[in-house]
Every structure is written in C-alpha cells, then in structure tokens.
PDB file of N, CA and C in Angstrom:
ATOM      1  N   MET A   1      -3.139   1.972  -8.044  1.00  0.00           N
ATOM      2  CA  MET A   1      -3.473   2.511  -6.836  1.00  0.00           C
ATOM      3  C   MET A   1      -3.334   4.512  -6.635  1.00  0.00           C
ATOM      4  N   SER A   2      -1.907   4.776  -7.750  1.00  0.00           N
ATOM      5  CA  SER A   2      -1.342   6.200  -7.753  1.00  0.00           C
ATOM      6  C   SER A   2      -2.948   7.082  -7.623  1.00  0.00           C
ATOM      7  N   GLY A   3      -4.033   7.066  -8.491  1.00  0.00           N
ATOM      8  CA  GLY A   3      -5.182   7.856  -8.592  1.00  0.00           C
ATOM      9  C   GLY A   3      -6.537   7.704  -8.035  1.00  0.00           C
ATOM     10  N   ASN A   4      -6.322   6.721  -7.032  1.00  0.00           N
ATOM     11  CA  ASN A   4      -7.478   6.616  -6.431  1.00  0.00           C
ATOM     12  C   ASN A   4      -7.379   6.684  -4.735  1.00  0.00           C
ATOM     13  N   ALA A   5      -7.745   7.781  -4.645  1.00  0.00           N
ATOM     14  CA  ALA A   5      -8.021   8.537  -3.805  1.00  0.00           C
ATOM     15  C   ALA A   5      -8.615   7.988  -2.789  1.00  0.00           C
ATOM     16  N   ARG A   6      -9.961   7.449  -2.872  1.00  0.00           N
ATOM     17  CA  ARG A   6     -10.426   6.779  -1.784  1.00  0.00           C
ATOM     18  C   ARG A   6     -10.156   5.448  -1.277  1.00  0.00           C
ATOM     19  N   ALA A   7      -9.077   4.889  -2.329  1.00  0.00           N
ATOM     20  CA  ALA A   7      -8.284   3.898  -1.336  1.00  0.00           C
ATOM     21  C   ALA A   7      -6.944   4.315  -0.863  1.00  0.00           C
ATOM     22  N   ARG A   8      -6.550   5.659  -0.602  1.00  0.00           N
ATOM     23  CA  ARG A   8      -5.565   5.943  -0.092  1.00  0.00           C
ATOM     24  C   ARG A   8      -5.970   6.879   0.851  1.00  0.00           C
ATOM     25  N   ARG A   9      -7.725   7.017   0.935  1.00  0.00           N
ATOM     26  CA  ARG A   9      -7.876   7.637   2.556  1.00  0.00           C
ATOM     27  C   ARG A   9      -7.869   6.558   3.139  1.00  0.00           C
ATOM     28  N   PHE A  10      -8.707   5.395   2.875  1.00  0.00           N
ATOM     29  CA  PHE A  10      -8.759   3.679   3.883  1.00  0.00           C
ATOM     30  C   PHE A  10      -7.846   3.465   4.435  1.00  0.00           C
ATOM     31  N   TYR A  11      -6.351   3.544   3.687  1.00  0.00           N
ATOM     32  CA  TYR A  11      -5.217   3.190   3.990  1.00  0.00           C
ATOM     33  C   TYR A  11      -4.866   3.974   4.961  1.00  0.00           C
ATOM     34  N   GLU A  12      -5.008   5.408   4.708  1.00  0.00           N
ATOM     35  CA  GLU A  12      -4.695   6.346   5.422  1.00  0.00           C
ATOM     36  C   GLU A  12      -5.440   6.096   6.897  1.00  0.00           C
ATOM     37  N   ARG A  13      -6.528   5.777   7.395  1.00  0.00           N
ATOM     38  CA  ARG A  13      -7.552   5.816   8.474  1.00  0.00           C
ATOM     39  C   ARG A  13      -7.374   4.854   9.288  1.00  0.00           C
ATOM     40  N   HIS A  14      -6.682   3.907   8.593  1.00  0.00           N
ATOM     41  CA  HIS A  14      -6.288   2.339   9.397  1.00  0.00           C
ATOM     42  C   HIS A  14      -5.173   2.146   9.571  1.00  0.00           C
ATOM     43  N   GLY A  15      -4.404   3.412   9.832  1.00  0.00           N
ATOM     44  CA  GLY A  15      -2.788   3.346  10.496  1.00  0.00           C
ATOM     45  C   GLY A  15      -2.002   3.524   9.426  1.00  0.00           C
ATOM     46  N   TRP A  16      -2.237   3.324   7.898  1.00  0.00           N
ATOM     47  CA  TRP A  16      -1.008   3.201   7.468  1.00  0.00           C
ATOM     48  C   TRP A  16      -0.405   4.027   6.513  1.00  0.00           C
ATOM     49  N   ILE A  17       1.052   4.261   6.622  1.00  0.00           N
ATOM     50  CA  ILE A  17       1.821   5.718   5.935  1.00  0.00           C
ATOM     51  C   ILE A  17       2.334   5.685   4.820  1.00  0.00           C
ATOM     52  N   ASP A  18       1.872   6.227   4.014  1.00  0.00           N
ATOM     53  CA  ASP A  18       2.028   6.337   2.328  1.00  0.00           C
ATOM     54  C   ASP A  18       4.205   6.929   2.289  1.00  0.00           C
ATOM     55  N   THR A  19       4.697   6.081   2.032  1.00  0.00           N
ATOM     56  CA  THR A  19       6.649   6.182   2.035  1.00  0.00           C
ATOM     57  C   THR A  19       6.654   6.565   0.332  1.00  0.00           C
ATOM     58  N   GLY A  20       5.210   6.743  -0.376  1.00  0.00           N
ATOM     59  CA  GLY A  20       6.027   7.298  -1.304  1.00  0.00           C
ATOM     60  C   GLY A  20       5.256   6.516  -2.389  1.00  0.00           C
ATOM     61  N   LEU A  21       6.303   7.391  -3.702  1.00  0.00           N
ATOM     62  CA  LEU A  21       5.602   6.419  -5.106  1.00  0.00           C
ATOM     63  C   LEU A  21       6.706   5.404  -5.505  1.00  0.00           C
ATOM     64  N   ILE A  22       6.196   4.254  -5.964  1.00  0.00           N
ATOM     65  CA  ILE A  22       7.226   3.064  -6.912  1.00  0.00           C
ATOM     66  C   ILE A  22       6.710   2.896  -7.913  1.00  0.00           C
ATOM     67  N   ASP A  23       7.533   1.922  -8.803  1.00  0.00           N
ATOM     68  CA  ASP A  23       7.057   1.601  -9.993  1.00  0.00           C
ATOM     69  C   ASP A  23       7.428  -0.192  -9.769  1.00  0.00           C
ATOM     70  N   TYR A  24       5.834  -0.432  -9.824  1.00  0.00           N
ATOM     71  CA  TYR A  24       5.372  -1.631  -9.770  1.00  0.00           C
ATOM     72  C   TYR A  24       6.016  -2.503 -11.112  1.00  0.00           C
ATOM     73  N   LEU A  25       6.516  -3.491 -10.996  1.00  0.00           N
ATOM     74  CA  LEU A  25       6.966  -4.362 -12.329  1.00  0.00           C
ATOM     75  C   LEU A  25       5.976  -5.709 -12.369  1.00  0.00           C
ATOM     76  N   ALA A  26       4.775  -5.411 -13.368  1.00  0.00           N
ATOM     77  CA  ALA A  26       3.499  -6.181 -13.335  1.00  0.00           C
ATOM     78  C   ALA A  26       4.090  -7.269 -13.947  1.00  0.00           C
ATOM     79  N   ALA A  27       3.967  -8.684 -14.310  1.00  0.00           N
ATOM     80  CA  ALA A  27       4.127  -9.354 -15.886  1.00  0.00           C
ATOM     81  C   ALA A  27       3.171  -9.209 -16.506  1.00  0.00           C
ATOM     82  N   THR A  28       3.623  -9.676 -17.610  1.00  0.00           N
ATOM     83  CA  THR A  28       2.365  -9.806 -18.747  1.00  0.00           C
ATOM     84  C   THR A  28       3.262 -10.646 -19.676  1.00  0.00           C
ATOM     85  N   GLU A  29       2.413 -11.552 -20.860  1.00  0.00           N
ATOM     86  CA  GLU A  29       2.663 -12.314 -21.453  1.00  0.00           C
ATOM     87  C   GLU A  29       3.971 -11.963 -22.259  1.00  0.00           C
ATOM     88  N   GLU A  30       3.869 -10.548 -22.142  1.00  0.00           N
ATOM     89  CA  GLU A  30       4.757  -9.718 -23.538  1.00  0.00           C
ATOM     90  C   GLU A  30       5.815  -9.548 -22.800  1.00  0.00           C
ATOM     91  N   GLY A  31       6.049  -9.589 -21.643  1.00  0.00           N
ATOM     92  CA  GLY A  31       7.282  -9.116 -20.566  1.00  0.00           C
ATOM     93  C   GLY A  31       6.542  -8.495 -19.385  1.00  0.00           C
ATOM     94  N   SER A  32       7.367  -7.361 -18.313  1.00  0.00           N
ATOM     95  CA  SER A  32       6.767  -6.188 -17.309  1.00  0.00           C
ATOM     96  C   SER A  32       6.446  -5.249 -17.967  1.00  0.00           C
ATOM     97  N   VAL A  33       5.763  -4.842 -17.529  1.00  0.00           N
ATOM     98  CA  VAL A  33       5.155  -3.457 -17.252  1.00  0.00           C
ATOM     99  C   VAL A  33       5.210  -2.611 -16.175  1.00  0.00           C
ATOM    100  N   SER A  34       5.514  -1.598 -16.245  1.00  0.00           N
ATOM    101  CA  SER A  34       5.855  -0.547 -15.118  1.00  0.00           C
ATOM    102  C   SER A  34       4.699   0.012 -14.569  1.00  0.00           C
ATOM    103  N   ILE A  35       4.188  -0.233 -13.503  1.00  0.00           N
ATOM    104  CA  ILE A  35       3.241   0.763 -13.215  1.00  0.00           C
ATOM    105  C   ILE A  35       3.105   1.334 -11.813  1.00  0.00           C
ATOM    106  N   PRO A  36       2.847   2.781 -11.879  1.00  0.00           N
ATOM    107  CA  PRO A  36       3.065   3.868 -10.848  1.00  0.00           C
ATOM    108  C   PRO A  36       2.111   3.377  -9.763  1.00  0.00           C
ATOM    109  N   ALA A  37       2.558   3.472  -8.426  1.00  0.00           N
ATOM    110  CA  ALA A  37       1.841   2.834  -7.261  1.00  0.00           C
ATOM    111  C   ALA A  37       2.642   3.792  -5.971  1.00  0.00           C
ATOM    112  N   HIS A  38       1.147   3.760  -5.490  1.00  0.00           N
ATOM    113  CA  HIS A  38       1.784   4.268  -3.944  1.00  0.00           C
ATOM    114  C   HIS A  38       2.732   3.033  -2.798  1.00  0.00           C
ATOM    115  N   ARG A  39       3.680   2.683  -1.916  1.00  0.00           N
ATOM    116  CA  ARG A  39       3.826   2.325  -0.743  1.00  0.00           C
ATOM    117  C   ARG A  39       3.368   2.474   0.297  1.00  0.00           C
ATOM    118  N   TYR A  40       2.769   1.339   0.806  1.00  0.00           N
ATOM    119  CA  TYR A  40       2.164   1.953   2.714  1.00  0.00           C
ATOM    120  C   TYR A  40       3.011   0.807   3.556  1.00  0.00           C
ATOM    121  N   ASN A  41       3.158   1.363   5.060  1.00  0.00           N
ATOM    122  CA  ASN A  41       3.745   0.646   5.550  1.00  0.00           C
ATOM    123  C   ASN A  41       3.071   0.908   7.033  1.00  0.00           C
ATOM    124  N   LYS A  42       2.964  -0.186   7.928  1.00  0.00           N
ATOM    125  CA  LYS A  42       2.213   0.191   9.045  1.00  0.00           C
ATOM    126  C   LYS A  42       3.216  -0.549   9.933  1.00  0.00           C
ATOM    127  N   ARG A  43       3.710   0.239  11.452  1.00  0.00           N
ATOM    128  CA  ARG A  43       3.664  -0.730  11.763  1.00  0.00           C
ATOM    129  C   ARG A  43       3.244  -1.635  13.022  1.00  0.00           C
ATOM    130  N   VAL A  44       3.329  -3.001  13.340  1.00  0.00           N
ATOM    131  CA  VAL A  44       3.417  -3.892  13.520  1.00  0.00           C
ATOM    132  C   VAL A  44       3.919  -4.208  15.057  1.00  0.00           C
ATOM    133  N   THR A  45       3.200  -4.811  16.096  1.00  0.00           N
ATOM    134  CA  THR A  45       3.599  -5.135  17.346  1.00  0.00           C
ATOM    135  C   THR A  45       3.272  -6.545  17.656  1.00  0.00           C
ATOM    136  N   GLN A  46       3.434  -6.950  18.766  1.00  0.00           N
ATOM    137  CA  GLN A  46       3.288  -7.736  19.529  1.00  0.00           C
ATOM    138  C   GLN A  46       1.766  -8.066  20.038  1.00  0.00           C
ATOM    139  N   ASN A  47       1.469  -6.936  20.625  1.00  0.00           N
ATOM    140  CA  ASN A  47       0.372  -6.568  21.611  1.00  0.00           C
ATOM    141  C   ASN A  47      -0.738  -6.504  20.488  1.00  0.00           C
ATOM    142  N   ALA A  48      -0.175  -5.818  19.240  1.00  0.00           N
ATOM    143  CA  ALA A  48      -1.264  -5.686  18.320  1.00  0.00           C
ATOM    144  C   ALA A  48      -2.824  -6.813  17.993  1.00  0.00           C
ATOM    145  N   ASP A  49      -2.798  -8.054  17.769  1.00  0.00           N
ATOM    146  CA  ASP A  49      -3.633  -8.717  18.328  1.00  0.00           C
ATOM    147  C   ASP A  49      -4.403  -8.713  19.429  1.00  0.00           C
ATOM    148  N   LYS A  50      -3.781  -8.469  20.529  1.00  0.00           N
ATOM    149  CA  LYS A  50      -4.701  -8.087  21.607  1.00  0.00           C
ATOM    150  C   LYS A  50      -5.484  -7.168  21.499  1.00  0.00           C
ATOM    151  N   GLU A  51      -4.808  -6.051  20.915  1.00  0.00           N
ATOM    152  CA  GLU A  51      -5.614  -4.519  21.228  1.00  0.00           C
ATOM    153  C   GLU A  51      -6.993  -4.299  19.955  1.00  0.00           C
ATOM    154  N   GLN A  52      -7.071  -5.358  19.441  1.00  0.00           N
ATOM    155  CA  GLN A  52      -8.305  -5.549  17.965  1.00  0.00           C
ATOM    156  C   GLN A  52      -9.130  -6.573  18.949  1.00  0.00           C
ATOM    157  N   ARG A  53      -8.947  -7.045  19.670  1.00  0.00           N
ATOM    158  CA  ARG A  53      -9.961  -8.070  20.746  1.00  0.00           C
ATOM    159  C   ARG A  53     -10.706  -7.300  21.676  1.00  0.00           C
TER     160      ARG A  53
END
C-alpha cells in the first residue's frame, strides 16, 4: 500500500493515523519477501460502538 494514495486517503479520512513505514515480511514458497507498507493505528474506546449507532 506504500504507493496507493487512494487507499491512504481512505484510511486517514476514517480516523486512522499513519505511524510510518514498515517492512512487511510476506511468506512465499521460496521464503520471505520484504514488502514496504505503511502502518496505521486507530484509537478504539468502549463508547465507539455506541457512537456509530
């Protein structure tokens, strides 16, 4: 998702915060492959379910 600006805007518009780049290790038959990605975090509260109703 590193180069996917549309996806990044979607997450940010829905309250997710980009905390930086990570190297995601994807498993393959030949071993692991490092894939650059952004890590997103979102604060979740007990009242979040009630607020969405």
